[in-house]
C-alpha atoms as a PDB file:
ATOM      1  CA  MET A   1     -88.421 133.679  -1.813  1.00  0.00           C
ATOM      2  CA  LYS A   2     -87.825 130.805  -4.189  1.00  0.00           C
ATOM      3  CA  ARG A   3     -84.626 130.538  -6.185  1.00  0.00           C
ATOM      4  CA  GLU A   4     -86.530 130.768  -9.489  1.00  0.00           C
ATOM      5  CA  THR A   5     -88.232 133.982  -8.337  1.00  0.00           C
ATOM      6  CA  ARG A   6     -84.886 135.568  -7.420  1.00  0.00           C
ATOM      7  CA  ILE A   7     -83.476 134.637 -10.814  1.00  0.00           C
ATOM      8  CA  ASN A   8     -86.501 136.126 -12.587  1.00  0.00           C
ATOM      9  CA  LEU A   9     -86.248 139.351 -10.590  1.00  0.00           C
ATOM     10  CA  LEU A  10     -82.533 139.585 -11.340  1.00  0.00           C
ATOM     11  CA  PHE A  11     -83.206 139.073 -15.039  1.00  0.00           C
ATOM     12  CA  ILE A  12     -85.891 141.782 -15.035  1.00  0.00           C
ATOM     13  CA  GLY A  13     -83.557 144.207 -13.232  1.00  0.00           C
ATOM     14  CA  VAL A  14     -80.724 143.634 -15.733  1.00  0.00           C
ATOM     15  CA  PHE A  15     -83.129 143.932 -18.665  1.00  0.00           C
ATOM     16  CA  LEU A  16     -84.492 147.265 -17.405  1.00  0.00           C
ATOM     17  CA  ALA A  17     -80.996 148.622 -16.747  1.00  0.00           C
ATOM     18  CA  ILE A  18     -80.021 147.841 -20.342  1.00  0.00           C
ATOM     19  CA  SER A  19     -83.215 148.832 -22.134  1.00  0.00           C
ATOM     20  CA  VAL A  20     -84.373 151.992 -20.296  1.00  0.00           C
ATOM     21  CA  PRO A  21     -81.527 154.301 -21.491  1.00  0.00           C
ATOM     22  CA  GLY A  22     -82.146 153.247 -25.096  1.00  0.00           C
ATOM     23  CA  ALA A  23     -85.869 153.786 -24.706  1.00  0.00           C
ATOM     24  CA  VAL A  24     -85.266 157.307 -23.342  1.00  0.00           C
ATOM     25  CA  ILE A  25     -83.043 158.150 -26.344  1.00  0.00           C
ATOM     26  CA  LEU A  26     -85.658 156.847 -28.786  1.00  0.00           C
ATOM     27  CA  PHE A  27     -88.377 158.800 -26.991  1.00  0.00           C
ATOM     28  CA  ARG A  28     -86.365 162.017 -27.209  1.00  0.00           C
ATOM     29  CA  LYS A  29     -85.640 161.448 -30.889  1.00  0.00           C
ATOM     30  CA  LYS A  30     -89.355 160.909 -31.471  1.00  0.00           C
ATOM     31  CA  LEU A  31     -90.080 164.292 -29.885  1.00  0.00           C
ATOM     32  CA  ASP A  32     -87.463 166.067 -32.010  1.00  0.00           C
ATOM     33  CA  PRO A  33     -89.167 167.485 -35.135  1.00  0.00           C
ATOM     34  CA  ASN A  34     -85.812 167.686 -36.908  1.00  0.00           C
ATOM     35  CA  ALA A  35     -84.873 164.051 -36.305  1.00  0.00           C
ATOM     36  CA  ALA A  36     -84.799 161.522 -39.122  1.00  0.00           C
ATOM     37  CA  ARG A  37     -87.607 158.977 -39.516  1.00  0.00           C
ATOM     38  CA  MET A  38     -87.329 156.016 -37.171  1.00  0.00           C
ATOM     39  CA  ASP A  39     -87.626 153.504 -40.039  1.00  0.00           C
ATOM     40  CA  GLN A  40     -84.578 154.961 -41.797  1.00  0.00           C
ATOM     41  CA  PRO A  41     -80.936 154.228 -40.967  1.00  0.00           C
ATOM     42  CA  ASP A  42     -79.015 156.929 -39.122  1.00  0.00           C
ATOM     43  CA  ALA A  43     -77.110 159.227 -41.426  1.00  0.00           C
ATOM     44  CA  VAL A  44     -73.345 159.471 -41.131  1.00  0.00           C
ATOM     45  CA  VAL A  45     -72.527 162.299 -38.713  1.00  0.00           C
ATOM     46  CA  ALA A  46     -71.206 165.136 -40.885  1.00  0.00           C
ATOM     47  CA  LYS A  47     -71.420 167.979 -38.369  1.00  0.00           C
ATOM     48  CA  LEU A  48     -71.200 168.419 -34.616  1.00  0.00           C
ATOM     49  CA  PRO A  49     -71.408 171.345 -32.186  1.00  0.00           C
ATOM     50  CA  TYR A  50     -68.001 172.951 -31.765  1.00  0.00           C
ATOM     51  CA  MET A  51     -67.694 171.958 -28.082  1.00  0.00           C
ATOM     52  CA  ALA A  52     -68.342 168.243 -28.695  1.00  0.00           C
ATOM     53  CA  PRO A  53     -65.315 166.017 -27.950  1.00  0.00           C
ATOM     54  CA  PRO A  54     -63.051 165.714 -31.007  1.00  0.00           C
ATOM     55  CA  LEU A  55     -63.381 162.592 -33.174  1.00  0.00           C
ATOM     56  CA  SER A  56     -60.580 160.699 -34.855  1.00  0.00           C
ATOM     57  CA  ARG A  57     -62.684 160.388 -38.008  1.00  0.00           C
ATOM     58  CA  PRO A  58     -61.835 163.207 -40.463  1.00  0.00           C
ATOM     59  CA  GLY A  59     -64.372 165.266 -42.384  1.00  0.00           C
ATOM     60  CA  VAL A  60     -66.571 166.349 -39.461  1.00  0.00           C
ATOM     61  CA  ARG A  61     -67.703 169.976 -39.757  1.00  0.00           C
ATOM     62  CA  TRP A  62     -67.803 171.883 -36.479  1.00  0.00           C
ATOM     63  CA  VAL A  63     -70.762 174.254 -36.289  1.00  0.00           C
ATOM     64  CA  VAL A  64     -71.961 176.988 -33.931  1.00  0.00           C
ATOM     65  CA  PRO A  65     -75.377 176.301 -32.333  1.00  0.00           C
ATOM     66  CA  PRO A  66     -77.259 179.638 -32.479  1.00  0.00           C
ATOM     67  CA  LEU A  67     -79.076 179.262 -29.141  1.00  0.00           C
ATOM     68  CA  THR A  68     -75.797 178.397 -27.435  1.00  0.00           C
ATOM     69  CA  GLN A  69     -74.097 181.428 -28.968  1.00  0.00           C
ATOM     70  CA  ASP A  70     -76.900 183.724 -27.775  1.00  0.00           C
ATOM     71  CA  TRP A  71     -76.748 182.198 -24.296  1.00  0.00           C
ATOM     72  CA  LEU A  72     -72.975 182.691 -24.004  1.00  0.00           C
ATOM     73  CA  THR A  73     -73.348 186.270 -25.238  1.00  0.00           C
ATOM     74  CA  THR A  74     -75.909 186.944 -22.513  1.00  0.00           C
ATOM     75  CA  LEU A  75     -73.733 185.331 -19.833  1.00  0.00           C
ATOM     76  CA  ASN A  76     -70.738 187.345 -20.980  1.00  0.00           C
ATOM     77  CA  ARG A  77     -72.736 190.570 -20.718  1.00  0.00           C
ATOM     78  CA  GLU A  78     -73.982 189.570 -17.255  1.00  0.00           C
ATOM     79  CA  HIS A  79     -70.372 189.032 -16.197  1.00  0.00           C
ATOM     80  CA  GLY A  80     -69.428 192.596 -17.081  1.00  0.00           C
ATOM     81  CA  ALA A  81     -68.189 192.396 -20.668  1.00  0.00           C
ATOM     82  CA  ASN A  82     -69.165 195.202 -23.022  1.00  0.00           C
ATOM     83  CA  GLY A  83     -68.080 193.787 -26.363  1.00  0.00           C
ATOM     84  CA  PRO A  84     -69.050 190.701 -28.377  1.00  0.00           C
ATOM     85  CA  LEU A  85     -67.702 187.204 -27.788  1.00  0.00           C
ATOM     86  CA  LEU A  86     -64.052 186.831 -28.718  1.00  0.00           C
ATOM     87  CA  SER A  87     -63.789 185.339 -32.213  1.00  0.00           C
ATOM     88  CA  SER A  88     -61.058 183.526 -34.121  1.00  0.00           C
ATOM     89  CA  ARG A  89     -62.393 184.767 -37.459  1.00  0.00           C
ATOM     90  CA  ALA A  90     -63.201 188.219 -38.796  1.00  0.00           C
ATOM     91  CA  GLY A  91     -66.691 188.890 -40.138  1.00  0.00           C
ATOM     92  CA  THR A  92     -68.448 185.960 -38.458  1.00  0.00           C
ATOM     93  CA  TRP A  93     -68.226 184.545 -34.967  1.00  0.00           C
ATOM     94  CA  ALA A  94     -66.030 181.471 -34.603  1.00  0.00           C
ATOM     95  CA  PRO A  95     -65.192 180.266 -31.083  1.00  0.00           C
ATOM     96  CA  VAL A  96     -61.651 180.552 -29.735  1.00  0.00           C
ATOM     97  CA  ILE A  97     -61.343 177.061 -28.287  1.00  0.00           C
ATOM     98  CA  SER A  98     -58.591 174.565 -27.544  1.00  0.00           C
ATOM     99  CA  ASP A  99     -57.990 171.556 -29.779  1.00  0.00           C
ATOM    100  CA  ASP A 100     -59.461 169.249 -27.148  1.00  0.00           C
ATOM    101  CA  HIS A 101     -62.651 171.388 -27.137  1.00  0.00           C
ATOM    102  CA  VAL A 102     -62.440 171.876 -23.371  1.00  0.00           C
ATOM    103  CA  MET A 103     -61.287 175.473 -22.827  1.00  0.00           C
ATOM    104  CA  GLN A 104     -63.025 178.315 -24.677  1.00  0.00           C
ATOM    105  CA  LEU A 105     -61.797 181.902 -24.393  1.00  0.00           C
ATOM    106  CA  ILE A 106     -64.879 184.109 -24.213  1.00  0.00           C
ATOM    107  CA  ASP A 107     -63.528 187.566 -23.417  1.00  0.00           C
ATOM    108  CA  LEU A 108     -60.136 189.240 -22.994  1.00  0.00           C
ATOM    109  CA  SER A 109     -59.611 192.849 -21.977  1.00  0.00           C
ATOM    110  CA  GLY A 110     -56.992 195.063 -20.371  1.00  0.00           C
ATOM    111  CA  ASP A 111     -53.628 196.523 -21.331  1.00  0.00           C
ATOM    112  CA  SER A 112     -49.908 195.866 -20.966  1.00  0.00           C
ATOM    113  CA  ALA A 113     -50.268 196.327 -17.199  1.00  0.00           C
ATOM    114  CA  GLY A 114     -52.466 193.242 -17.041  1.00  0.00           C
ATOM    115  CA  ALA A 115     -55.394 191.469 -18.616  1.00  0.00           C
ATOM    116  CA  ARG A 116     -58.615 189.839 -17.441  1.00  0.00           C
ATOM    117  CA  ALA A 117     -59.867 186.784 -19.321  1.00  0.00           C
ATOM    118  CA  SER A 118     -63.130 184.864 -19.168  1.00  0.00           C
ATOM    119  CA  PHE A 119     -63.150 181.153 -20.014  1.00  0.00           C
ATOM    120  CA  VAL A 120     -65.865 178.553 -20.422  1.00  0.00           C
ATOM    121  CA  LEU A 121     -64.837 175.007 -19.572  1.00  0.00           C
ATOM    122  CA  TRP A 122     -66.760 172.268 -21.385  1.00  0.00           C
ATOM    123  CA  GLY A 123     -66.910 168.729 -20.022  1.00  0.00           C
ATOM    124  CA  ILE A 124     -64.834 169.410 -16.900  1.00  0.00           C
ATOM    125  CA  PRO A 125     -66.311 168.289 -13.549  1.00  0.00           C
ATOM    126  CA  PRO A 126     -66.850 171.307 -11.245  1.00  0.00           C
ATOM    127  CA  GLY A 127     -64.674 169.766  -8.549  1.00  0.00           C
ATOM    128  CA  ARG A 128     -61.713 169.545 -10.894  1.00  0.00           C
ATOM    129  CA  SER A 129     -62.093 173.077 -12.225  1.00  0.00           C
ATOM    130  CA  SER A 130     -61.771 174.516  -8.711  1.00  0.00           C
ATOM    131  CA  GLY A 131     -58.065 173.625  -8.823  1.00  0.00           C
ATOM    132  CA  ALA A 132     -57.488 174.942 -12.338  1.00  0.00           C
ATOM    133  CA  ALA A 133     -54.209 176.711 -13.051  1.00  0.00           C
ATOM    134  CA  PHE A 134     -53.665 179.108 -15.947  1.00  0.00           C
ATOM    135  CA  SER A 135     -50.435 180.302 -17.504  1.00  0.00           C
ATOM    136  CA  ALA A 136     -49.380 182.266 -20.571  1.00  0.00           C
ATOM    137  CA  SER A 137     -46.255 182.602 -22.680  1.00  0.00           C
ATOM    138  CA  THR A 138     -45.120 184.624 -25.674  1.00  0.00           C
ATOM    139  CA  SER A 139     -42.134 184.000 -27.945  1.00  0.00           C
ATOM    140  CA  GLY A 140     -41.208 181.062 -25.762  1.00  0.00           C
ATOM    141  CA  GLU A 141     -40.987 183.246 -22.658  1.00  0.00           C
ATOM    142  CA  ALA A 142     -43.336 182.522 -19.770  1.00  0.00           C
ATOM    143  CA  LEU A 143     -45.418 185.373 -18.403  1.00  0.00           C
ATOM    144  CA  ASP A 144     -46.481 185.640 -14.772  1.00  0.00           C
ATOM    145  CA  PRO A 145     -49.006 182.886 -13.891  1.00  0.00           C
ATOM    146  CA  GLY A 146     -52.668 183.787 -14.107  1.00  0.00           C
ATOM    147  CA  ARG A 147     -54.631 184.315 -10.902  1.00  0.00           C
ATOM    148  CA  VAL A 148     -58.071 182.712 -10.789  1.00  0.00           C
ATOM    149  CA  GLU A 149     -60.499 185.435  -9.743  1.00  0.00           C
ATOM    150  CA  SER A 150     -63.726 183.423  -9.721  1.00  0.00           C
ATOM    151  CA  VAL A 151     -65.115 179.999 -10.632  1.00  0.00           C
ATOM    152  CA  GLU A 152     -68.832 179.553 -11.279  1.00  0.00           C
ATOM    153  CA  THR A 153     -70.776 176.461 -12.297  1.00  0.00           C
ATOM    154  CA  ILE A 154     -73.761 177.269 -14.533  1.00  0.00           C
ATOM    155  CA  ALA A 155     -76.477 174.788 -15.547  1.00  0.00           C
ATOM    156  CA  VAL A 156     -77.103 174.413 -19.287  1.00  0.00           C
ATOM    157  CA  PRO A 157     -80.784 175.217 -20.045  1.00  0.00           C
ATOM    158  CA  GLU A 158     -82.935 172.409 -21.447  1.00  0.00           C
ATOM    159  CA  PRO A 159     -83.583 174.158 -24.823  1.00  0.00           C
ATOM    160  CA  LEU A 160     -79.821 174.282 -25.388  1.00  0.00           C
ATOM    161  CA  LYS A 161     -79.459 170.594 -24.565  1.00  0.00           C
ATOM    162  CA  ARG A 162     -82.158 169.781 -27.119  1.00  0.00           C
ATOM    163  CA  GLU A 163     -80.411 172.010 -29.663  1.00  0.00           C
ATOM    164  CA  LEU A 164     -77.123 170.162 -29.152  1.00  0.00           C
ATOM    165  CA  MET A 165     -78.840 166.765 -29.375  1.00  0.00           C
ATOM    166  CA  GLY A 166     -80.414 167.889 -32.647  1.00  0.00           C
ATOM    167  CA  MET A 167     -76.874 168.549 -33.897  1.00  0.00           C
ATOM    168  CA  ASN A 168     -75.775 164.956 -33.156  1.00  0.00           C
ATOM    169  CA  GLU A 169     -74.347 165.594 -29.675  1.00  0.00           C
ATOM    170  CA  VAL A 170     -75.603 162.430 -27.969  1.00  0.00           C
ATOM    171  CA  LYS A 171     -74.637 163.502 -24.449  1.00  0.00           C
ATOM    172  CA  PRO A 172     -74.887 167.297 -24.132  1.00  0.00           C
ATOM    173  CA  PRO A 173     -73.213 168.883 -21.101  1.00  0.00           C
ATOM    174  CA  ALA A 174     -75.346 169.398 -18.010  1.00  0.00           C
ATOM    175  CA  GLN A 175     -73.324 172.428 -16.937  1.00  0.00           C
ATOM    176  CA  ILE A 176     -70.445 174.671 -17.894  1.00  0.00           C
ATOM    177  CA  VAL A 177     -67.801 176.223 -15.672  1.00  0.00           C
ATOM    178  CA  TRP A 178     -67.244 179.974 -16.069  1.00  0.00           C
ATOM    179  CA  VAL A 179     -63.769 181.063 -14.926  1.00  0.00           C
ATOM    180  CA  ARG A 180     -62.384 184.589 -14.626  1.00  0.00           C
ATOM    181  CA  VAL A 181     -58.581 184.839 -14.666  1.00  0.00           C
ATOM    182  CA  ILE A 182     -56.292 187.849 -14.184  1.00  0.00           C
ATOM    183  CA  PHE A 183     -52.904 187.860 -15.923  1.00  0.00           C
ATOM    184  CA  PRO A 184     -50.657 190.404 -14.137  1.00  0.00           C
ATOM    185  CA  LYS A 185     -48.614 191.099 -17.273  1.00  0.00           C
ATOM    186  CA  TRP A 186     -49.714 190.980 -20.883  1.00  0.00           C
ATOM    187  CA  PRO A 187     -47.881 191.901 -24.108  1.00  0.00           C
ATOM    188  CA  ARG A 188     -49.316 194.690 -26.264  1.00  0.00           C
ATOM    189  CA  SER A 189     -48.565 192.657 -29.386  1.00  0.00           C
ATOM    190  CA  GLY A 190     -47.386 189.230 -30.496  1.00  0.00           C
ATOM    191  CA  ILE A 191     -48.546 185.642 -30.320  1.00  0.00           C
ATOM    192  CA  VAL A 192     -49.631 184.459 -26.877  1.00  0.00           C
ATOM    193  CA  THR A 193     -50.257 180.875 -25.811  1.00  0.00           C
ATOM    194  CA  ILE A 194     -52.628 180.377 -22.878  1.00  0.00           C
ATOM    195  CA  SER A 195     -52.557 177.051 -21.041  1.00  0.00           C
ATOM    196  CA  GLY A 196     -55.123 175.690 -18.629  1.00  0.00           C
ATOM    197  CA  ASP A 197     -54.326 172.729 -16.403  1.00  0.00           C
ATOM    198  CA  PHE A 198     -57.318 170.857 -15.026  1.00  0.00           C
ATOM    199  CA  SER A 199     -55.431 167.876 -13.658  1.00  0.00           C
ATOM    200  CA  GLY A 200     -57.352 165.266 -11.732  1.00  0.00           C
ATOM    201  CA  PRO A 201     -55.948 162.611  -9.380  1.00  0.00           C
ATOM    202  CA  SER A 202     -55.180 160.240 -12.264  1.00  0.00           C
ATOM    203  CA  ASP A 203     -55.671 162.421 -15.327  1.00  0.00           C
ATOM    204  CA  GLN A 204     -53.471 165.168 -16.743  1.00  0.00           C
ATOM    205  CA  HIS A 205     -55.704 167.455 -18.767  1.00  0.00           C
ATOM    206  CA  PRO A 206     -53.820 170.505 -20.114  1.00  0.00           C
ATOM    207  CA  SER A 207     -55.540 172.619 -22.755  1.00  0.00           C
ATOM    208  CA  THR A 208     -53.968 175.396 -24.826  1.00  0.00           C
ATOM    209  CA  ILE A 209     -55.198 178.324 -26.900  1.00  0.00           C
ATOM    210  CA  THR A 210     -52.995 180.497 -29.113  1.00  0.00           C
ATOM    211  CA  ILE A 211     -54.125 184.024 -29.898  1.00  0.00           C
ATOM    212  CA  GLU A 212     -52.675 187.188 -31.362  1.00  0.00           C
ATOM    213  CA  SER A 213     -52.546 190.107 -28.952  1.00  0.00           C
ATOM    214  CA  ASN A 214     -52.801 193.695 -30.158  1.00  0.00           C
ATOM    215  CA  ALA A 215     -52.866 197.101 -28.521  1.00  0.00           C
ATOM    216  CA  ALA A 216     -56.398 196.429 -27.308  1.00  0.00           C
ATOM    217  CA  VAL A 217     -55.232 193.097 -25.859  1.00  0.00           C
ATOM    218  CA  GLY A 218     -57.938 190.835 -27.278  1.00  0.00           C
ATOM    219  CA  ALA A 219     -57.849 189.967 -30.986  1.00  0.00           C
ATOM    220  CA  ALA A 220     -58.775 187.155 -33.311  1.00  0.00           C
ATOM    221  CA  GLY A 221     -56.351 184.298 -33.094  1.00  0.00           C
ATOM    222  CA  THR A 222     -55.576 180.734 -33.955  1.00  0.00           C
ATOM    223  CA  GLN A 223     -56.544 177.792 -31.839  1.00  0.00           C
ATOM    224  CA  GLY A 224     -54.020 175.277 -30.679  1.00  0.00           C
END
């Protein structure tokens, strides 16, 4: 093979590697009936799905994708929960999620003898979640560490990915990790901080959620 031919082939390979991802994004936007016209500039992102990675730019409104909410409700029911998704706001569902948008508390039930919690992990590789560690504290006092009961990786359906892309999430998650955790002791009342540690070999990734516990264990709370 001549030197000029090798150079041409190399150029074509680099060009395809650069242009194909952009072409796929444009093709998907063309198929989206809710997308803006291609001859118009992109609007400034004013809202994002609540599980999208946080942005440093202020003013972004975090919204709940309805298909995603319905899907999580169905998964929660399939995993044995009887009630609705745990909410941080009365009257309308608002996710109980950590500030880094990684750890979402879906369900919490039990009593002072112990509690069982269900979490969804967004954007965490399945291999890292298998070594997750959970802890809880109240009034500055650590409770007994949580025991991971089960870890399940669940693929995100294609309609949900399209929904998230339509809400400006450029790279929707391919899967979530559903984790069930048992806390041997749980206070009947007070503010409880739950921490999840998903540390990788070179990355410390703690996430925290603060909720208010009541006599029924699970209650609306603040995120932190």
